[in-house]
Amino acid sequence: MSMLNEIKRILKVNGKLLTIEFHKEKTPMGPLVDHRISEEICNSNDFKTIDKKILS
């Protein structure tokens, strides 16, 4: 995913990225479903989850 590659390129060493993500289902607000990035995709691109909150 080119967006994650660009984030890795410009992020400082040991830098942190905060994401606010929506469930992978259509909701009344938020980005289009196909624009939502799963935690698994982020983890497979060398990002790791530090903390996670599910707000229902």
PDB file of N, CA and C in Angstrom:
ATOM      1  N   MET A   1       0.860  -1.174   0.000  1.00  0.00           N
ATOM      2  CA  MET A   1       0.000   0.000   0.000  1.00  0.00           C
ATOM      3  C   MET A   1       0.904   1.234   0.000  1.00  0.00           C
ATOM      4  N   SER A   2       0.821   2.047  -1.038  1.00  0.00           N
ATOM      5  CA  SER A   2       1.742   3.170  -1.213  1.00  0.00           C
ATOM      6  C   SER A   2       1.616   4.221  -0.110  1.00  0.00           C
ATOM      7  N   MET A   3       0.429   4.405   0.446  1.00  0.00           N
ATOM      8  CA  MET A   3       0.268   5.390   1.523  1.00  0.00           C
ATOM      9  C   MET A   3       1.100   4.990   2.743  1.00  0.00           C
ATOM     10  N   LEU A   4       1.072   3.725   3.113  1.00  0.00           N
ATOM     11  CA  LEU A   4       1.852   3.275   4.263  1.00  0.00           C
ATOM     12  C   LEU A   4       3.349   3.364   3.986  1.00  0.00           C
ATOM     13  N   ASN A   5       3.759   3.098   2.755  1.00  0.00           N
ATOM     14  CA  ASN A   5       5.172   3.244   2.397  1.00  0.00           C
ATOM     15  C   ASN A   5       5.625   4.691   2.541  1.00  0.00           C
ATOM     16  N   GLU A   6       4.797   5.625   2.137  1.00  0.00           N
ATOM     17  CA  GLU A   6       5.147   7.049   2.261  1.00  0.00           C
ATOM     18  C   GLU A   6       5.201   7.465   3.728  1.00  0.00           C
ATOM     19  N   ILE A   7       4.284   6.968   4.536  1.00  0.00           N
ATOM     20  CA  ILE A   7       4.312   7.278   5.971  1.00  0.00           C
ATOM     21  C   ILE A   7       5.605   6.761   6.582  1.00  0.00           C
ATOM     22  N   LYS A   8       5.996   5.527   6.253  1.00  0.00           N
ATOM     23  CA  LYS A   8       7.257   4.976   6.774  1.00  0.00           C
ATOM     24  C   LYS A   8       8.445   5.816   6.324  1.00  0.00           C
ATOM     25  N   ARG A   9       8.405   6.296   5.095  1.00  0.00           N
ATOM     26  CA  ARG A   9       9.526   7.066   4.547  1.00  0.00           C
ATOM     27  C   ARG A   9       9.729   8.372   5.299  1.00  0.00           C
ATOM     28  N   ILE A  10       8.637   9.071   5.652  1.00  0.00           N
ATOM     29  CA  ILE A  10       8.785  10.394   6.260  1.00  0.00           C
ATOM     30  C   ILE A  10       8.739  10.381   7.788  1.00  0.00           C
ATOM     31  N   LEU A  11       8.361   9.250   8.376  1.00  0.00           N
ATOM     32  CA  LEU A  11       8.280   9.164   9.830  1.00  0.00           C
ATOM     33  C   LEU A  11       9.683   9.081  10.420  1.00  0.00           C
ATOM     34  N   LYS A  12       9.948   9.848  11.455  1.00  0.00           N
ATOM     35  CA  LYS A  12      11.251   9.806  12.112  1.00  0.00           C
ATOM     36  C   LYS A  12      11.485   8.431  12.721  1.00  0.00           C
ATOM     37  N   VAL A  13      12.748   8.083  12.931  1.00  0.00           N
ATOM     38  CA  VAL A  13      13.090   6.820  13.588  1.00  0.00           C
ATOM     39  C   VAL A  13      12.403   6.783  14.950  1.00  0.00           C
ATOM     40  N   ASN A  14      11.765   5.685  15.249  1.00  0.00           N
ATOM     41  CA  ASN A  14      10.979   5.505  16.482  1.00  0.00           C
ATOM     42  C   ASN A  14       9.789   6.466  16.568  1.00  0.00           C
ATOM     43  N   GLY A  15       9.397   7.059  15.436  1.00  0.00           N
ATOM     44  CA  GLY A  15       8.228   7.936  15.416  1.00  0.00           C
ATOM     45  C   GLY A  15       6.950   7.130  15.596  1.00  0.00           C
ATOM     46  N   LYS A  16       5.884   7.815  15.891  1.00  0.00           N
ATOM     47  CA  LYS A  16       4.599   7.155  16.126  1.00  0.00           C
ATOM     48  C   LYS A  16       3.549   7.718  15.186  1.00  0.00           C
ATOM     49  N   LEU A  17       2.655   6.866  14.786  1.00  0.00           N
ATOM     50  CA  LEU A  17       1.549   7.221  13.907  1.00  0.00           C
ATOM     51  C   LEU A  17       0.260   6.923  14.653  1.00  0.00           C
ATOM     52  N   LEU A  18      -0.594   7.910  14.768  1.00  0.00           N
ATOM     53  CA  LEU A  18      -1.899   7.726  15.396  1.00  0.00           C
ATOM     54  C   LEU A  18      -2.930   7.554  14.295  1.00  0.00           C
ATOM     55  N   THR A  19      -3.704   6.507  14.389  1.00  0.00           N
ATOM     56  CA  THR A  19      -4.790   6.329  13.429  1.00  0.00           C
ATOM     57  C   THR A  19      -6.109   6.209  14.170  1.00  0.00           C
ATOM     58  N   ILE A  20      -7.116   6.748  13.577  1.00  0.00           N
ATOM     59  CA  ILE A  20      -8.485   6.577  14.060  1.00  0.00           C
ATOM     60  C   ILE A  20      -9.195   5.863  12.922  1.00  0.00           C
ATOM     61  N   GLU A  21      -9.571   4.651  13.169  1.00  0.00           N
ATOM     62  CA  GLU A  21     -10.115   3.831  12.095  1.00  0.00           C
ATOM     63  C   GLU A  21     -11.534   3.391  12.401  1.00  0.00           C
ATOM     64  N   PHE A  22     -12.268   3.180  11.349  1.00  0.00           N
ATOM     65  CA  PHE A  22     -13.656   2.744  11.429  1.00  0.00           C
ATOM     66  C   PHE A  22     -13.729   1.262  11.081  1.00  0.00           C
ATOM     67  N   HIS A  23     -14.755   0.575  11.568  1.00  0.00           N
ATOM     68  CA  HIS A  23     -14.960  -0.831  11.214  1.00  0.00           C
ATOM     69  C   HIS A  23     -15.080  -0.961   9.703  1.00  0.00           C
ATOM     70  N   LYS A  24     -14.722  -2.128   9.175  1.00  0.00           N
ATOM     71  CA  LYS A  24     -14.783  -2.374   7.740  1.00  0.00           C
ATOM     72  C   LYS A  24     -16.211  -2.695   7.299  1.00  0.00           C
ATOM     73  N   GLU A  25     -17.140  -1.846   7.657  1.00  0.00           N
ATOM     74  CA  GLU A  25     -18.533  -1.976   7.231  1.00  0.00           C
ATOM     75  C   GLU A  25     -19.086  -0.580   7.032  1.00  0.00           C
ATOM     76  N   LYS A  26     -20.083  -0.452   6.203  1.00  0.00           N
ATOM     77  CA  LYS A  26     -20.649   0.864   5.907  1.00  0.00           C
ATOM     78  C   LYS A  26     -21.241   1.478   7.179  1.00  0.00           C
ATOM     79  N   THR A  27     -20.869   2.716   7.440  1.00  0.00           N
ATOM     80  CA  THR A  27     -21.373   3.452   8.600  1.00  0.00           C
ATOM     81  C   THR A  27     -21.864   4.820   8.128  1.00  0.00           C
ATOM     82  N   PRO A  28     -22.707   5.490   8.931  1.00  0.00           N
ATOM     83  CA  PRO A  28     -23.228   6.789   8.506  1.00  0.00           C
ATOM     84  C   PRO A  28     -22.151   7.864   8.389  1.00  0.00           C
ATOM     85  N   MET A  29     -21.020   7.672   9.040  1.00  0.00           N
ATOM     86  CA  MET A  29     -19.933   8.646   8.937  1.00  0.00           C
ATOM     87  C   MET A  29     -18.620   7.910   8.753  1.00  0.00           C
ATOM     88  N   GLY A  30     -17.621   8.648   8.346  1.00  0.00           N
ATOM     89  CA  GLY A  30     -16.307   8.053   8.141  1.00  0.00           C
ATOM     90  C   GLY A  30     -16.007   7.861   6.664  1.00  0.00           C
ATOM     91  N   PRO A  31     -14.802   7.369   6.381  1.00  0.00           N
ATOM     92  CA  PRO A  31     -14.385   7.197   4.990  1.00  0.00           C
ATOM     93  C   PRO A  31     -15.143   6.051   4.312  1.00  0.00           C
ATOM     94  N   LEU A  32     -15.028   5.997   3.003  1.00  0.00           N
ATOM     95  CA  LEU A  32     -15.600   4.880   2.258  1.00  0.00           C
ATOM     96  C   LEU A  32     -15.000   3.577   2.777  1.00  0.00           C
ATOM     97  N   VAL A  33     -15.762   2.512   2.706  1.00  0.00           N
ATOM     98  CA  VAL A  33     -15.307   1.226   3.246  1.00  0.00           C
ATOM     99  C   VAL A  33     -13.987   0.797   2.610  1.00  0.00           C
ATOM    100  N   ASP A  34     -13.828   0.970   1.301  1.00  0.00           N
ATOM    101  CA  ASP A  34     -12.587   0.531   0.654  1.00  0.00           C
ATOM    102  C   ASP A  34     -11.403   1.455   0.937  1.00  0.00           C
ATOM    103  N   HIS A  35     -11.603   2.545   1.649  1.00  0.00           N
ATOM    104  CA  HIS A  35     -10.508   3.422   2.072  1.00  0.00           C
ATOM    105  C   HIS A  35     -10.079   3.139   3.510  1.00  0.00           C
ATOM    106  N   ARG A  36     -10.752   2.247   4.176  1.00  0.00           N
ATOM    107  CA  ARG A  36     -10.442   1.927   5.572  1.00  0.00           C
ATOM    108  C   ARG A  36      -9.342   0.884   5.611  1.00  0.00           C
ATOM    109  N   ILE A  37      -8.339   1.127   6.429  1.00  0.00           N
ATOM    110  CA  ILE A  37      -7.167   0.256   6.490  1.00  0.00           C
ATOM    111  C   ILE A  37      -7.241  -0.582   7.755  1.00  0.00           C
ATOM    112  N   SER A  38      -7.128  -1.874   7.605  1.00  0.00           N
ATOM    113  CA  SER A  38      -7.241  -2.760   8.764  1.00  0.00           C
ATOM    114  C   SER A  38      -5.952  -2.757   9.587  1.00  0.00           C
ATOM    115  N   GLU A  39      -6.099  -3.135  10.828  1.00  0.00           N
ATOM    116  CA  GLU A  39      -4.950  -3.275  11.722  1.00  0.00           C
ATOM    117  C   GLU A  39      -3.971  -4.303  11.158  1.00  0.00           C
ATOM    118  N   GLU A  40      -4.485  -5.367  10.565  1.00  0.00           N
ATOM    119  CA  GLU A  40      -3.633  -6.417   9.999  1.00  0.00           C
ATOM    120  C   GLU A  40      -2.757  -5.880   8.869  1.00  0.00           C
ATOM    121  N   ILE A  41      -3.322  -5.022   8.027  1.00  0.00           N
ATOM    122  CA  ILE A  41      -2.535  -4.434   6.934  1.00  0.00           C
ATOM    123  C   ILE A  41      -1.436  -3.547   7.499  1.00  0.00           C
ATOM    124  N   CYS A  42      -1.760  -2.745   8.501  1.00  0.00           N
ATOM    125  CA  CYS A  42      -0.738  -1.894   9.126  1.00  0.00           C
ATOM    126  C   CYS A  42       0.360  -2.751   9.743  1.00  0.00           C
ATOM    127  N   ASN A  43      -0.027  -3.786  10.474  1.00  0.00           N
ATOM    128  CA  ASN A  43       0.966  -4.654  11.111  1.00  0.00           C
ATOM    129  C   ASN A  43       1.833  -5.367  10.082  1.00  0.00           C
ATOM    130  N   SER A  44       1.269  -5.758   8.959  1.00  0.00           N
ATOM    131  CA  SER A  44       2.056  -6.448   7.937  1.00  0.00           C
ATOM    132  C   SER A  44       2.975  -5.487   7.183  1.00  0.00           C
ATOM    133  N   ASN A  45       2.830  -4.189   7.420  1.00  0.00           N
ATOM    134  CA  ASN A  45       3.699  -3.176   6.808  1.00  0.00           C
ATOM    135  C   ASN A  45       4.633  -2.550   7.837  1.00  0.00           C
ATOM    136  N   ASP A  46       5.016  -3.338   8.836  1.00  0.00           N
ATOM    137  CA  ASP A  46       6.011  -2.952   9.848  1.00  0.00           C
ATOM    138  C   ASP A  46       5.536  -1.917  10.849  1.00  0.00           C
ATOM    139  N   PHE A  47       4.241  -1.685  10.956  1.00  0.00           N
ATOM    140  CA  PHE A  47       3.705  -0.855  12.030  1.00  0.00           C
ATOM    141  C   PHE A  47       3.216  -1.805  13.108  1.00  0.00           C
ATOM    142  N   LYS A  48       3.274  -1.384  14.358  1.00  0.00           N
ATOM    143  CA  LYS A  48       2.759  -2.249  15.416  1.00  0.00           C
ATOM    144  C   LYS A  48       1.753  -1.485  16.258  1.00  0.00           C
ATOM    145  N   THR A  49       0.794  -2.210  16.782  1.00  0.00           N
ATOM    146  CA  THR A  49      -0.238  -1.618  17.620  1.00  0.00           C
ATOM    147  C   THR A  49       0.314  -1.434  19.021  1.00  0.00           C
ATOM    148  N   ILE A  50       0.270  -0.212  19.527  1.00  0.00           N
ATOM    149  CA  ILE A  50       0.723   0.079  20.885  1.00  0.00           C
ATOM    150  C   ILE A  50      -0.460   0.066  21.834  1.00  0.00           C
ATOM    151  N   ASP A  51      -1.555   0.649  21.412  1.00  0.00           N
ATOM    152  CA  ASP A  51      -2.763   0.708  22.234  1.00  0.00           C
ATOM    153  C   ASP A  51      -3.957   0.704  21.297  1.00  0.00           C
ATOM    154  N   LYS A  52      -5.055   0.199  21.790  1.00  0.00           N
ATOM    155  CA  LYS A  52      -6.240   0.096  20.946  1.00  0.00           C
ATOM    156  C   LYS A  52      -7.474   0.290  21.816  1.00  0.00           C
ATOM    157  N   LYS A  53      -8.366   1.135  21.368  1.00  0.00           N
ATOM    158  CA  LYS A  53      -9.634   1.378  22.054  1.00  0.00           C
ATOM    159  C   LYS A  53     -10.754   1.168  21.044  1.00  0.00           C
ATOM    160  N   ILE A  54     -11.749   0.409  21.420  1.00  0.00           N
ATOM    161  CA  ILE A  54     -12.913   0.215  20.560  1.00  0.00           C
ATOM    162  C   ILE A  54     -14.055   1.025  21.153  1.00  0.00           C
ATOM    163  N   LEU A  55     -14.549   1.964  20.374  1.00  0.00           N
ATOM    164  CA  LEU A  55     -15.571   2.889  20.862  1.00  0.00           C
ATOM    165  C   LEU A  55     -16.963   2.529  20.364  1.00  0.00           C
ATOM    166  N   SER A  56     -17.151   1.357  19.910  1.00  0.00           N
ATOM    167  CA  SER A  56     -18.397   0.775  19.404  1.00  0.00           C
ATOM    168  C   SER A  56     -18.930   1.504  18.259  1.00  0.00           C
TER     169      SER A  56
END
